[in-house]
Amino acid sequence: MKKLICLLLIFCSPILASNIEQVVVEDDASEHNGLLNGFVSVLTCWLEVPRAITYEATARPRSMIVLAPVLGSCLTGIRALVGTGNILTLGLCDKFIRGDIPEYIWDAYWIAPKPESD
């Protein structure tokens, strides 16, 4: 019985070790991605204003004059704060801090899927 357990451990240990290495690599990549996301968010937060203008121009053209600058300014502040939070936490709390905000500005909608009525 001891020989059987030893043989199982010998044959299963490489499989277990390879799974552990994959988990560690994935965790390291996500941590660095969160930190990178923080720097990118802080540097590109100002792009929320032109994004809001193009989105509102296609979604609600009559009310975009008022809504787009307000929405863009608010989203600029939110993206800057989220990026700063990611930098301060070294990207460890990226998904918790970000919530439903797209990870990068180029992942957000720039053009509305279909026009809405005012």
PDB file of N, CA and C in Angstrom:
ATOM      1  N   MET A   1       0.816  -1.192   0.000  1.00  0.00           N
ATOM      2  CA  MET A   1       0.000   0.000   0.000  1.00  0.00           C
ATOM      3  C   MET A   1       0.866   1.266   0.000  1.00  0.00           C
ATOM      4  N   LYS A   2       1.948   1.232   0.763  1.00  0.00           N
ATOM      5  CA  LYS A   2       2.841   2.385   0.800  1.00  0.00           C
ATOM      6  C   LYS A   2       3.473   2.627  -0.567  1.00  0.00           C
ATOM      7  N   LYS A   3       3.804   1.544  -1.277  1.00  0.00           N
ATOM      8  CA  LYS A   3       4.402   1.697  -2.601  1.00  0.00           C
ATOM      9  C   LYS A   3       3.409   2.324  -3.573  1.00  0.00           C
ATOM     10  N   LEU A   4       2.156   1.967  -3.467  1.00  0.00           N
ATOM     11  CA  LEU A   4       1.124   2.526  -4.341  1.00  0.00           C
ATOM     12  C   LEU A   4       0.969   4.039  -4.098  1.00  0.00           C
ATOM     13  N   ILE A   5       0.946   4.425  -2.845  1.00  0.00           N
ATOM     14  CA  ILE A   5       0.832   5.855  -2.511  1.00  0.00           C
ATOM     15  C   ILE A   5       2.068   6.607  -2.989  1.00  0.00           C
ATOM     16  N   CYS A   6       3.232   6.030  -2.814  1.00  0.00           N
ATOM     17  CA  CYS A   6       4.463   6.678  -3.287  1.00  0.00           C
ATOM     18  C   CYS A   6       4.449   6.830  -4.804  1.00  0.00           C
ATOM     19  N   LEU A   7       4.015   5.817  -5.522  1.00  0.00           N
ATOM     20  CA  LEU A   7       3.942   5.893  -6.979  1.00  0.00           C
ATOM     21  C   LEU A   7       2.932   6.960  -7.428  1.00  0.00           C
ATOM     22  N   LEU A   8       1.793   7.019  -6.762  1.00  0.00           N
ATOM     23  CA  LEU A   8       0.798   8.043  -7.093  1.00  0.00           C
ATOM     24  C   LEU A   8       1.352   9.449  -6.859  1.00  0.00           C
ATOM     25  N   LEU A   9       2.043   9.632  -5.762  1.00  0.00           N
ATOM     26  CA  LEU A   9       2.635  10.944  -5.482  1.00  0.00           C
ATOM     27  C   LEU A   9       3.708  11.302  -6.498  1.00  0.00           C
ATOM     28  N   ILE A  10       4.491  10.323  -6.897  1.00  0.00           N
ATOM     29  CA  ILE A  10       5.546  10.583  -7.881  1.00  0.00           C
ATOM     30  C   ILE A  10       4.950  10.964  -9.230  1.00  0.00           C
ATOM     31  N   PHE A  11       3.895  10.284  -9.636  1.00  0.00           N
ATOM     32  CA  PHE A  11       3.296  10.573 -10.941  1.00  0.00           C
ATOM     33  C   PHE A  11       2.397  11.809 -10.916  1.00  0.00           C
ATOM     34  N   CYS A  12       1.801  12.108  -9.786  1.00  0.00           N
ATOM     35  CA  CYS A  12       0.873  13.249  -9.707  1.00  0.00           C
ATOM     36  C   CYS A  12       1.570  14.564  -9.361  1.00  0.00           C
ATOM     37  N   SER A  13       2.737  14.528  -8.764  1.00  0.00           N
ATOM     38  CA  SER A  13       3.397  15.763  -8.341  1.00  0.00           C
ATOM     39  C   SER A  13       3.730  16.703  -9.502  1.00  0.00           C
ATOM     40  N   PRO A  14       4.188  16.227 -10.670  1.00  0.00           N
ATOM     41  CA  PRO A  14       4.417  17.180 -11.768  1.00  0.00           C
ATOM     42  C   PRO A  14       3.135  17.858 -12.237  1.00  0.00           C
ATOM     43  N   ILE A  15       2.033  17.123 -12.235  1.00  0.00           N
ATOM     44  CA  ILE A  15       0.760  17.714 -12.650  1.00  0.00           C
ATOM     45  C   ILE A  15       0.335  18.787 -11.656  1.00  0.00           C
ATOM     46  N   LEU A  16       0.444  18.482 -10.369  1.00  0.00           N
ATOM     47  CA  LEU A  16       0.078  19.457  -9.350  1.00  0.00           C
ATOM     48  C   LEU A  16       1.003  20.673  -9.394  1.00  0.00           C
ATOM     49  N   ALA A  17       2.281  20.438  -9.582  1.00  0.00           N
ATOM     50  CA  ALA A  17       3.237  21.545  -9.635  1.00  0.00           C
ATOM     51  C   ALA A  17       2.976  22.446 -10.838  1.00  0.00           C
ATOM     52  N   SER A  18       2.630  21.886 -11.980  1.00  0.00           N
ATOM     53  CA  SER A  18       2.362  22.714 -13.156  1.00  0.00           C
ATOM     54  C   SER A  18       1.111  23.554 -12.954  1.00  0.00           C
ATOM     55  N   ASN A  19       0.095  23.032 -12.269  1.00  0.00           N
ATOM     56  CA  ASN A  19      -1.104  23.812 -11.979  1.00  0.00           C
ATOM     57  C   ASN A  19      -0.814  24.953 -11.018  1.00  0.00           C
ATOM     58  N   ILE A  20       0.028  24.705 -10.034  1.00  0.00           N
ATOM     59  CA  ILE A  20       0.380  25.747  -9.076  1.00  0.00           C
ATOM     60  C   ILE A  20       1.139  26.871  -9.784  1.00  0.00           C
ATOM     61  N   GLU A  21       2.065  26.526 -10.670  1.00  0.00           N
ATOM     62  CA  GLU A  21       2.812  27.549 -11.400  1.00  0.00           C
ATOM     63  C   GLU A  21       1.888  28.389 -12.266  1.00  0.00           C
ATOM     64  N   GLN A  22       0.898  27.786 -12.904  1.00  0.00           N
ATOM     65  CA  GLN A  22      -0.030  28.537 -13.742  1.00  0.00           C
ATOM     66  C   GLN A  22      -0.849  29.509 -12.914  1.00  0.00           C
ATOM     67  N   VAL A  23      -1.291  29.106 -11.739  1.00  0.00           N
ATOM     68  CA  VAL A  23      -2.072  29.991 -10.886  1.00  0.00           C
ATOM     69  C   VAL A  23      -1.228  31.179 -10.445  1.00  0.00           C
ATOM     70  N   VAL A  24       0.017  30.934 -10.066  1.00  0.00           N
ATOM     71  CA  VAL A  24       0.900  32.019  -9.631  1.00  0.00           C
ATOM     72  C   VAL A  24       1.152  32.990 -10.776  1.00  0.00           C
ATOM     73  N   VAL A  25       1.388  32.503 -11.976  1.00  0.00           N
ATOM     74  CA  VAL A  25       1.635  33.372 -13.128  1.00  0.00           C
ATOM     75  C   VAL A  25       0.405  34.204 -13.435  1.00  0.00           C
ATOM     76  N   GLU A  26      -0.790  33.618 -13.370  1.00  0.00           N
ATOM     77  CA  GLU A  26      -2.003  34.368 -13.641  1.00  0.00           C
ATOM     78  C   GLU A  26      -2.217  35.450 -12.594  1.00  0.00           C
ATOM     79  N   ASP A  27      -1.968  35.158 -11.311  1.00  0.00           N
ATOM     80  CA  ASP A  27      -2.136  36.157 -10.264  1.00  0.00           C
ATOM     81  C   ASP A  27      -1.158  37.310 -10.444  1.00  0.00           C
ATOM     82  N   ASP A  28       0.109  37.009 -10.770  1.00  0.00           N
ATOM     83  CA  ASP A  28       1.089  38.063 -10.979  1.00  0.00           C
ATOM     84  C   ASP A  28       0.699  38.945 -12.150  1.00  0.00           C
ATOM     85  N   ALA A  29       0.209  38.347 -13.225  1.00  0.00           N
ATOM     86  CA  ALA A  29      -0.178  39.120 -14.401  1.00  0.00           C
ATOM     87  C   ALA A  29      -1.345  40.039 -14.081  1.00  0.00           C
ATOM     88  N   SER A  30      -2.325  39.568 -13.311  1.00  0.00           N
ATOM     89  CA  SER A  30      -3.470  40.411 -12.998  1.00  0.00           C
ATOM     90  C   SER A  30      -3.080  41.560 -12.075  1.00  0.00           C
ATOM     91  N   GLU A  31      -2.131  41.334 -11.159  1.00  0.00           N
ATOM     92  CA  GLU A  31      -1.679  42.410 -10.288  1.00  0.00           C
ATOM     93  C   GLU A  31      -0.965  43.491 -11.096  1.00  0.00           C
ATOM     94  N   HIS A  32      -0.106  43.084 -12.007  1.00  0.00           N
ATOM     95  CA  HIS A  32       0.592  44.064 -12.828  1.00  0.00           C
ATOM     96  C   HIS A  32      -0.382  44.755 -13.774  1.00  0.00           C
ATOM     97  N   ASN A  33      -1.383  44.043 -14.241  1.00  0.00           N
ATOM     98  CA  ASN A  33      -2.376  44.637 -15.112  1.00  0.00           C
ATOM     99  C   ASN A  33      -3.161  45.704 -14.353  1.00  0.00           C
ATOM    100  N   GLY A  34      -3.486  45.460 -13.085  1.00  0.00           N
ATOM    101  CA  GLY A  34      -4.193  46.458 -12.284  1.00  0.00           C
ATOM    102  C   GLY A  34      -3.361  47.704 -12.070  1.00  0.00           C
ATOM    103  N   LEU A  35      -2.074  47.530 -11.808  1.00  0.00           N
ATOM    104  CA  LEU A  35      -1.179  48.677 -11.630  1.00  0.00           C
ATOM    105  C   LEU A  35      -1.018  49.432 -12.943  1.00  0.00           C
ATOM    106  N   LEU A  36      -0.864  48.708 -14.035  1.00  0.00           N
ATOM    107  CA  LEU A  36      -0.788  49.340 -15.348  1.00  0.00           C
ATOM    108  C   LEU A  36      -2.079  50.080 -15.664  1.00  0.00           C
ATOM    109  N   ASN A  37      -3.221  49.471 -15.326  1.00  0.00           N
ATOM    110  CA  ASN A  37      -4.500  50.115 -15.546  1.00  0.00           C
ATOM    111  C   ASN A  37      -4.586  51.428 -14.767  1.00  0.00           C
ATOM    112  N   GLY A  38      -4.022  51.468 -13.580  1.00  0.00           N
ATOM    113  CA  GLY A  38      -4.018  52.699 -12.794  1.00  0.00           C
ATOM    114  C   GLY A  38      -3.260  53.817 -13.482  1.00  0.00           C
ATOM    115  N   PHE A  39      -2.064  53.525 -13.972  1.00  0.00           N
ATOM    116  CA  PHE A  39      -1.286  54.551 -14.667  1.00  0.00           C
ATOM    117  C   PHE A  39      -1.967  54.993 -15.956  1.00  0.00           C
ATOM    118  N   VAL A  40      -2.509  54.040 -16.706  1.00  0.00           N
ATOM    119  CA  VAL A  40      -3.183  54.375 -17.965  1.00  0.00           C
ATOM    120  C   VAL A  40      -4.436  55.200 -17.691  1.00  0.00           C
ATOM    121  N   SER A  41      -5.183  54.858 -16.648  1.00  0.00           N
ATOM    122  CA  SER A  41      -6.396  55.607 -16.323  1.00  0.00           C
ATOM    123  C   SER A  41      -6.078  57.044 -15.925  1.00  0.00           C
ATOM    124  N   VAL A  42      -5.029  57.231 -15.158  1.00  0.00           N
ATOM    125  CA  VAL A  42      -4.660  58.599 -14.757  1.00  0.00           C
ATOM    126  C   VAL A  42      -4.192  59.408 -15.968  1.00  0.00           C
ATOM    127  N   LEU A  43      -3.425  58.780 -16.857  1.00  0.00           N
ATOM    128  CA  LEU A  43      -2.908  59.508 -18.009  1.00  0.00           C
ATOM    129  C   LEU A  43      -3.950  59.774 -19.089  1.00  0.00           C
ATOM    130  N   THR A  44      -4.975  58.925 -19.194  1.00  0.00           N
ATOM    131  CA  THR A  44      -5.963  59.084 -20.259  1.00  0.00           C
ATOM    132  C   THR A  44      -7.342  59.489 -19.749  1.00  0.00           C
ATOM    133  N   CYS A  45      -7.451  59.927 -18.497  1.00  0.00           N
ATOM    134  CA  CYS A  45      -8.767  60.268 -17.958  1.00  0.00           C
ATOM    135  C   CYS A  45      -9.393  61.445 -18.702  1.00  0.00           C
ATOM    136  N   TRP A  46      -8.597  62.339 -19.231  1.00  0.00           N
ATOM    137  CA  TRP A  46      -9.133  63.503 -19.940  1.00  0.00           C
ATOM    138  C   TRP A  46      -9.857  63.108 -21.230  1.00  0.00           C
ATOM    139  N   LEU A  47      -9.616  61.910 -21.744  1.00  0.00           N
ATOM    140  CA  LEU A  47     -10.298  61.454 -22.961  1.00  0.00           C
ATOM    141  C   LEU A  47     -11.776  61.132 -22.729  1.00  0.00           C
ATOM    142  N   GLU A  48     -12.221  61.162 -21.473  1.00  0.00           N
ATOM    143  CA  GLU A  48     -13.637  60.944 -21.197  1.00  0.00           C
ATOM    144  C   GLU A  48     -14.499  62.075 -21.761  1.00  0.00           C
ATOM    145  N   VAL A  49     -13.984  63.287 -21.819  1.00  0.00           N
ATOM    146  CA  VAL A  49     -14.777  64.411 -22.345  1.00  0.00           C
ATOM    147  C   VAL A  49     -15.046  64.244 -23.843  1.00  0.00           C
ATOM    148  N   PRO A  50     -14.031  64.030 -24.707  1.00  0.00           N
ATOM    149  CA  PRO A  50     -14.363  63.799 -26.113  1.00  0.00           C
ATOM    150  C   PRO A  50     -15.175  62.531 -26.343  1.00  0.00           C
ATOM    151  N   ARG A  51     -14.955  61.501 -25.507  1.00  0.00           N
ATOM    152  CA  ARG A  51     -15.747  60.284 -25.637  1.00  0.00           C
ATOM    153  C   ARG A  51     -17.216  60.562 -25.326  1.00  0.00           C
ATOM    154  N   ALA A  52     -17.469  61.336 -24.282  1.00  0.00           N
ATOM    155  CA  ALA A  52     -18.851  61.669 -23.929  1.00  0.00           C
ATOM    156  C   ALA A  52     -19.496  62.525 -25.018  1.00  0.00           C
ATOM    157  N   ILE A  53     -18.733  63.414 -25.629  1.00  0.00           N
ATOM    158  CA  ILE A  53     -19.281  64.260 -26.691  1.00  0.00           C
ATOM    159  C   ILE A  53     -19.669  63.413 -27.896  1.00  0.00           C
ATOM    160  N   THR A  54     -18.801  62.509 -28.326  1.00  0.00           N
ATOM    161  CA  THR A  54     -19.140  61.681 -29.496  1.00  0.00           C
ATOM    162  C   THR A  54     -20.273  60.713 -29.177  1.00  0.00           C
ATOM    163  N   TYR A  55     -20.298  60.182 -27.966  1.00  0.00           N
ATOM    164  CA  TYR A  55     -21.369  59.257 -27.602  1.00  0.00           C
ATOM    165  C   TYR A  55     -22.707  59.986 -27.547  1.00  0.00           C
ATOM    166  N   GLU A  56     -22.748  61.135 -26.876  1.00  0.00           N
ATOM    167  CA  GLU A  56     -24.006  61.878 -26.759  1.00  0.00           C
ATOM    168  C   GLU A  56     -24.444  62.453 -28.106  1.00  0.00           C
ATOM    169  N   ALA A  57     -23.502  62.770 -28.976  1.00  0.00           N
ATOM    170  CA  ALA A  57     -23.875  63.294 -30.302  1.00  0.00           C
ATOM    171  C   ALA A  57     -24.591  62.226 -31.126  1.00  0.00           C
ATOM    172  N   THR A  58     -24.238  60.972 -30.935  1.00  0.00           N
ATOM    173  CA  THR A  58     -24.921  59.908 -31.674  1.00  0.00           C
ATOM    174  C   THR A  58     -26.154  59.391 -30.934  1.00  0.00           C
ATOM    175  N   ALA A  59     -26.173  59.497 -29.623  1.00  0.00           N
ATOM    176  CA  ALA A  59     -27.297  58.975 -28.841  1.00  0.00           C
ATOM    177  C   ALA A  59     -28.417  60.003 -28.713  1.00  0.00           C
ATOM    178  N   ARG A  60     -28.082  61.204 -28.257  1.00  0.00           N
ATOM    179  CA  ARG A  60     -29.071  62.255 -28.023  1.00  0.00           C
ATOM    180  C   ARG A  60     -28.532  63.583 -28.541  1.00  0.00           C
ATOM    181  N   PRO A  61     -28.655  63.832 -29.852  1.00  0.00           N
ATOM    182  CA  PRO A  61     -28.014  65.024 -30.428  1.00  0.00           C
ATOM    183  C   PRO A  61     -28.558  66.349 -29.899  1.00  0.00           C
ATOM    184  N   ARG A  62     -29.836  66.404 -29.537  1.00  0.00           N
ATOM    185  CA  ARG A  62     -30.389  67.686 -29.092  1.00  0.00           C
ATOM    186  C   ARG A  62     -29.950  68.062 -27.689  1.00  0.00           C
ATOM    187  N   SER A  63     -29.730  67.090 -26.833  1.00  0.00           N
ATOM    188  CA  SER A  63     -29.359  67.399 -25.454  1.00  0.00           C
ATOM    189  C   SER A  63     -27.866  67.240 -25.185  1.00  0.00           C
ATOM    190  N   MET A  64     -27.095  66.969 -26.213  1.00  0.00           N
ATOM    191  CA  MET A  64     -25.655  66.731 -25.994  1.00  0.00           C
ATOM    192  C   MET A  64     -24.904  67.981 -25.562  1.00  0.00           C
ATOM    193  N   ILE A  65     -25.418  69.159 -25.907  1.00  0.00           N
ATOM    194  CA  ILE A  65     -24.718  70.400 -25.546  1.00  0.00           C
ATOM    195  C   ILE A  65     -24.613  70.527 -24.033  1.00  0.00           C
ATOM    196  N   VAL A  66     -25.624  70.087 -23.314  1.00  0.00           N
ATOM    197  CA  VAL A  66     -25.619  70.175 -21.858  1.00  0.00           C
ATOM    198  C   VAL A  66     -25.066  68.900 -21.229  1.00  0.00           C
ATOM    199  N   LEU A  67     -25.514  67.745 -21.710  1.00  0.00           N
ATOM    200  CA  LEU A  67     -25.165  66.474 -21.074  1.00  0.00           C
ATOM    201  C   LEU A  67     -23.714  66.055 -21.279  1.00  0.00           C
ATOM    202  N   ALA A  68     -23.187  66.245 -22.468  1.00  0.00           N
ATOM    203  CA  ALA A  68     -21.846  65.726 -22.782  1.00  0.00           C
ATOM    204  C   ALA A  68     -20.744  66.337 -21.905  1.00  0.00           C
ATOM    205  N   PRO A  69     -20.668  67.667 -21.765  1.00  0.00           N
ATOM    206  CA  PRO A  69     -19.599  68.195 -20.910  1.00  0.00           C
ATOM    207  C   PRO A  69     -19.735  67.785 -19.439  1.00  0.00           C
ATOM    208  N   VAL A  70     -20.974  67.742 -18.943  1.00  0.00           N
ATOM    209  CA  VAL A  70     -21.186  67.356 -17.541  1.00  0.00           C
ATOM    210  C   VAL A  70     -20.812  65.885 -17.339  1.00  0.00           C
ATOM    211  N   LEU A  71     -21.315  65.019 -18.223  1.00  0.00           N
ATOM    212  CA  LEU A  71     -21.007  63.597 -18.123  1.00  0.00           C
ATOM    213  C   LEU A  71     -19.513  63.343 -18.301  1.00  0.00           C
ATOM    214  N   GLY A  72     -18.899  64.001 -19.274  1.00  0.00           N
ATOM    215  CA  GLY A  72     -17.462  63.829 -19.504  1.00  0.00           C
ATOM    216  C   GLY A  72     -16.624  64.291 -18.332  1.00  0.00           C
ATOM    217  N   SER A  73     -17.008  65.408 -17.719  1.00  0.00           N
ATOM    218  CA  SER A  73     -16.265  65.911 -16.562  1.00  0.00           C
ATOM    219  C   SER A  73     -16.387  64.965 -15.377  1.00  0.00           C
ATOM    220  N   CYS A  74     -17.594  64.461 -15.138  1.00  0.00           N
ATOM    221  CA  CYS A  74     -17.784  63.527 -14.022  1.00  0.00           C
ATOM    222  C   CYS A  74     -17.003  62.234 -14.244  1.00  0.00           C
ATOM    223  N   LEU A  75     -17.074  61.711 -15.458  1.00  0.00           N
ATOM    224  CA  LEU A  75     -16.352  60.467 -15.748  1.00  0.00           C
ATOM    225  C   LEU A  75     -14.836  60.668 -15.729  1.00  0.00           C
ATOM    226  N   THR A  76     -14.383  61.878 -16.083  1.00  0.00           N
ATOM    227  CA  THR A  76     -12.952  62.175 -15.982  1.00  0.00           C
ATOM    228  C   THR A  76     -12.495  62.085 -14.533  1.00  0.00           C
ATOM    229  N   GLY A  77     -13.250  62.698 -13.635  1.00  0.00           N
ATOM    230  CA  GLY A  77     -12.907  62.646 -12.214  1.00  0.00           C
ATOM    231  C   GLY A  77     -12.958  61.235 -11.665  1.00  0.00           C
ATOM    232  N   ILE A  78     -13.977  60.467 -12.069  1.00  0.00           N
ATOM    233  CA  ILE A  78     -14.102  59.088 -11.590  1.00  0.00           C
ATOM    234  C   ILE A  78     -12.936  58.240 -12.085  1.00  0.00           C
ATOM    235  N   ARG A  79     -12.592  58.372 -13.368  1.00  0.00           N
ATOM    236  CA  ARG A  79     -11.485  57.577 -13.919  1.00  0.00           C
ATOM    237  C   ARG A  79     -10.160  57.972 -13.269  1.00  0.00           C
ATOM    238  N   ALA A  80      -9.968  59.259 -12.989  1.00  0.00           N
ATOM    239  CA  ALA A  80      -8.734  59.695 -12.323  1.00  0.00           C
ATOM    240  C   ALA A  80      -8.657  59.140 -10.899  1.00  0.00           C
ATOM    241  N   LEU A  81      -9.782  59.148 -10.184  1.00  0.00           N
ATOM    242  CA  LEU A  81      -9.783  58.607  -8.820  1.00  0.00           C
ATOM    243  C   LEU A  81      -9.578  57.097  -8.808  1.00  0.00           C
ATOM    244  N   VAL A  82     -10.207  56.399  -9.744  1.00  0.00           N
ATOM    245  CA  VAL A  82     -10.023  54.947  -9.836  1.00  0.00           C
ATOM    246  C   VAL A  82      -8.571  54.619 -10.174  1.00  0.00           C
ATOM    247  N   GLY A  83      -7.977  55.363 -11.095  1.00  0.00           N
ATOM    248  CA  GLY A  83      -6.573  55.146 -11.440  1.00  0.00           C
ATOM    249  C   GLY A  83      -5.649  55.413 -10.269  1.00  0.00           C
ATOM    250  N   THR A  84      -5.929  56.475  -9.532  1.00  0.00           N
ATOM    251  CA  THR A  84      -5.123  56.785  -8.352  1.00  0.00           C
ATOM    252  C   THR A  84      -5.264  55.685  -7.301  1.00  0.00           C
ATOM    253  N   GLY A  85      -6.488  55.181  -7.133  1.00  0.00           N
ATOM    254  CA  GLY A  85      -6.695  54.073  -6.190  1.00  0.00           C
ATOM    255  C   GLY A  85      -5.938  52.828  -6.599  1.00  0.00           C
ATOM    256  N   ASN A  86      -5.900  52.550  -7.905  1.00  0.00           N
ATOM    257  CA  ASN A  86      -5.148  51.391  -8.387  1.00  0.00           C
ATOM    258  C   ASN A  86      -3.654  51.573  -8.149  1.00  0.00           C
ATOM    259  N   ILE A  87      -3.162  52.775  -8.333  1.00  0.00           N
ATOM    260  CA  ILE A  87      -1.734  53.018  -8.107  1.00  0.00           C
ATOM    261  C   ILE A  87      -1.406  52.888  -6.626  1.00  0.00           C
ATOM    262  N   LEU A  88      -2.249  53.459  -5.760  1.00  0.00           N
ATOM    263  CA  LEU A  88      -1.983  53.414  -4.321  1.00  0.00           C
ATOM    264  C   LEU A  88      -2.070  52.000  -3.747  1.00  0.00           C
ATOM    265  N   THR A  89      -2.941  51.175  -4.313  1.00  0.00           N
ATOM    266  CA  THR A  89      -3.062  49.790  -3.834  1.00  0.00           C
ATOM    267  C   THR A  89      -2.205  48.835  -4.644  1.00  0.00           C
ATOM    268  N   LEU A  90      -1.372  49.367  -5.528  1.00  0.00           N
ATOM    269  CA  LEU A  90      -0.470  48.581  -6.372  1.00  0.00           C
ATOM    270  C   LEU A  90      -1.228  47.595  -7.260  1.00  0.00           C
ATOM    271  N   GLY A  91      -2.452  47.940  -7.616  1.00  0.00           N
ATOM    272  CA  GLY A  91      -3.242  47.123  -8.512  1.00  0.00           C
ATOM    273  C   GLY A  91      -3.879  45.910  -7.874  1.00  0.00           C
ATOM    274  N   LEU A  92      -3.770  45.784  -6.556  1.00  0.00           N
ATOM    275  CA  LEU A  92      -4.307  44.601  -5.887  1.00  0.00           C
ATOM    276  C   LEU A  92      -5.834  44.633  -5.780  1.00  0.00           C
ATOM    277  N   CYS A  93      -6.423  45.812  -5.766  1.00  0.00           N
ATOM    278  CA  CYS A  93      -7.881  45.940  -5.610  1.00  0.00           C
ATOM    279  C   CYS A  93      -8.522  46.455  -6.889  1.00  0.00           C
ATOM    280  N   ASP A  94      -7.959  46.118  -8.028  1.00  0.00           N
ATOM    281  CA  ASP A  94      -8.407  46.683  -9.302  1.00  0.00           C
ATOM    282  C   ASP A  94      -9.884  46.421  -9.568  1.00  0.00           C
ATOM    283  N   LYS A  95     -10.320  45.190  -9.476  1.00  0.00           N
ATOM    284  CA  LYS A  95     -11.706  44.853  -9.804  1.00  0.00           C
ATOM    285  C   LYS A  95     -12.669  45.423  -8.775  1.00  0.00           C
ATOM    286  N   PHE A  96     -12.261  45.508  -7.520  1.00  0.00           N
ATOM    287  CA  PHE A  96     -13.110  46.074  -6.483  1.00  0.00           C
ATOM    288  C   PHE A  96     -13.272  47.584  -6.674  1.00  0.00           C
ATOM    289  N   ILE A  97     -12.192  48.273  -7.005  1.00  0.00           N
ATOM    290  CA  ILE A  97     -12.240  49.727  -7.165  1.00  0.00           C
ATOM    291  C   ILE A  97     -12.968  50.110  -8.443  1.00  0.00           C
ATOM    292  N   ARG A  98     -12.696  49.403  -9.524  1.00  0.00           N
ATOM    293  CA  ARG A  98     -13.213  49.787 -10.836  1.00  0.00           C
ATOM    294  C   ARG A  98     -14.705  49.554 -10.970  1.00  0.00           C
ATOM    295  N   GLY A  99     -15.220  48.453 -10.480  1.00  0.00           N
ATOM    296  CA  GLY A  99     -16.649  48.155 -10.591  1.00  0.00           C
ATOM    297  C   GLY A  99     -17.066  47.947 -12.039  1.00  0.00           C
ATOM    298  N   ASP A 100     -18.053  48.721 -12.511  1.00  0.00           N
ATOM    299  CA  ASP A 100     -18.587  48.564 -13.868  1.00  0.00           C
ATOM    300  C   ASP A 100     -17.913  49.477 -14.892  1.00  0.00           C
ATOM    301  N   ILE A 101     -16.950  50.279 -14.471  1.00  0.00           N
ATOM    302  CA  ILE A 101     -16.269  51.170 -15.404  1.00  0.00           C
ATOM    303  C   ILE A 101     -15.395  50.324 -16.327  1.00  0.00           C
ATOM    304  N   PRO A 102     -15.413  50.594 -17.644  1.00  0.00           N
ATOM    305  CA  PRO A 102     -14.528  49.831 -18.536  1.00  0.00           C
ATOM    306  C   PRO A 102     -13.063  49.976 -18.122  1.00  0.00           C
ATOM    307  N   GLU A 103     -12.307  48.923 -18.342  1.00  0.00           N
ATOM    308  CA  GLU A 103     -10.920  48.894 -17.865  1.00  0.00           C
ATOM    309  C   GLU A 103     -10.089  50.023 -18.476  1.00  0.00           C
ATOM    310  N   TYR A 104     -10.196  50.208 -19.759  1.00  0.00           N
ATOM    311  CA  TYR A 104      -9.465  51.270 -20.439  1.00  0.00           C
ATOM    312  C   TYR A 104     -10.463  52.143 -21.195  1.00  0.00           C
ATOM    313  N   ILE A 105     -10.086  53.361 -21.498  1.00  0.00           N
ATOM    314  CA  ILE A 105     -10.984  54.296 -22.162  1.00  0.00           C
ATOM    315  C   ILE A 105     -11.381  53.791 -23.545  1.00  0.00           C
ATOM    316  N   TRP A 106     -10.492  53.092 -24.218  1.00  0.00           N
ATOM    317  CA  TRP A 106     -10.819  52.611 -25.566  1.00  0.00           C
ATOM    318  C   TRP A 106     -11.742  51.391 -25.523  1.00  0.00           C
ATOM    319  N   ASP A 107     -12.002  50.831 -24.337  1.00  0.00           N
ATOM    320  CA  ASP A 107     -12.978  49.759 -24.207  1.00  0.00           C
ATOM    321  C   ASP A 107     -14.405  50.282 -24.056  1.00  0.00           C
ATOM    322  N   ALA A 108     -14.552  51.569 -23.753  1.00  0.00           N
ATOM    323  CA  ALA A 108     -15.879  52.149 -23.554  1.00  0.00           C
ATOM    324  C   ALA A 108     -16.536  52.437 -24.903  1.00  0.00           C
ATOM    325  N   TYR A 109     -17.848  52.631 -24.871  1.00  0.00           N
ATOM    326  CA  TYR A 109     -18.574  52.972 -26.096  1.00  0.00           C
ATOM    327  C   TYR A 109     -18.263  54.409 -26.488  1.00  0.00           C
ATOM    328  N   TRP A 110     -17.823  54.616 -27.718  1.00  0.00           N
ATOM    329  CA  TRP A 110     -17.593  55.952 -28.237  1.00  0.00           C
ATOM    330  C   TRP A 110     -18.754  56.395 -29.095  1.00  0.00           C
ATOM    331  N   ILE A 111     -19.465  55.451 -29.674  1.00  0.00           N
ATOM    332  CA  ILE A 111     -20.642  55.743 -30.500  1.00  0.00           C
ATOM    333  C   ILE A 111     -21.787  54.911 -29.928  1.00  0.00           C
ATOM    334  N   ALA A 112     -22.948  55.525 -29.801  1.00  0.00           N
ATOM    335  CA  ALA A 112     -24.098  54.832 -29.229  1.00  0.00           C
ATOM    336  C   ALA A 112     -24.516  53.676 -30.121  1.00  0.00           C
ATOM    337  N   PRO A 113     -24.940  52.554 -29.534  1.00  0.00           N
ATOM    338  CA  PRO A 113     -25.357  51.407 -30.339  1.00  0.00           C
ATOM    339  C   PRO A 113     -26.498  51.741 -31.303  1.00  0.00           C
ATOM    340  N   LYS A 114     -27.529  52.458 -30.835  1.00  0.00           N
ATOM    341  CA  LYS A 114     -28.577  52.934 -31.728  1.00  0.00           C
ATOM    342  C   LYS A 114     -29.164  54.207 -31.120  1.00  0.00           C
ATOM    343  N   PRO A 115     -29.599  55.149 -31.942  1.00  0.00           N
ATOM    344  CA  PRO A 115     -30.087  56.429 -31.408  1.00  0.00           C
ATOM    345  C   PRO A 115     -31.286  56.241 -30.480  1.00  0.00           C
ATOM    346  N   GLU A 116     -31.283  57.031 -29.404  1.00  0.00           N
ATOM    347  CA  GLU A 116     -32.385  57.036 -28.475  1.00  0.00           C
ATOM    348  C   GLU A 116     -33.185  58.325 -28.675  1.00  0.00           C
ATOM    349  N   SER A 117     -34.429  58.301 -28.277  1.00  0.00           N
ATOM    350  CA  SER A 117     -35.233  59.519 -28.401  1.00  0.00           C
ATOM    351  C   SER A 117     -35.089  60.360 -27.141  1.00  0.00           C
ATOM    352  N   ASP A 118     -35.208  61.678 -27.287  1.00  0.00           N
ATOM    353  CA  ASP A 118     -35.075  62.568 -26.125  1.00  0.00           C
ATOM    354  C   ASP A 118     -36.263  62.488 -25.214  1.00  0.00           C
TER     355      ASP A 118
END
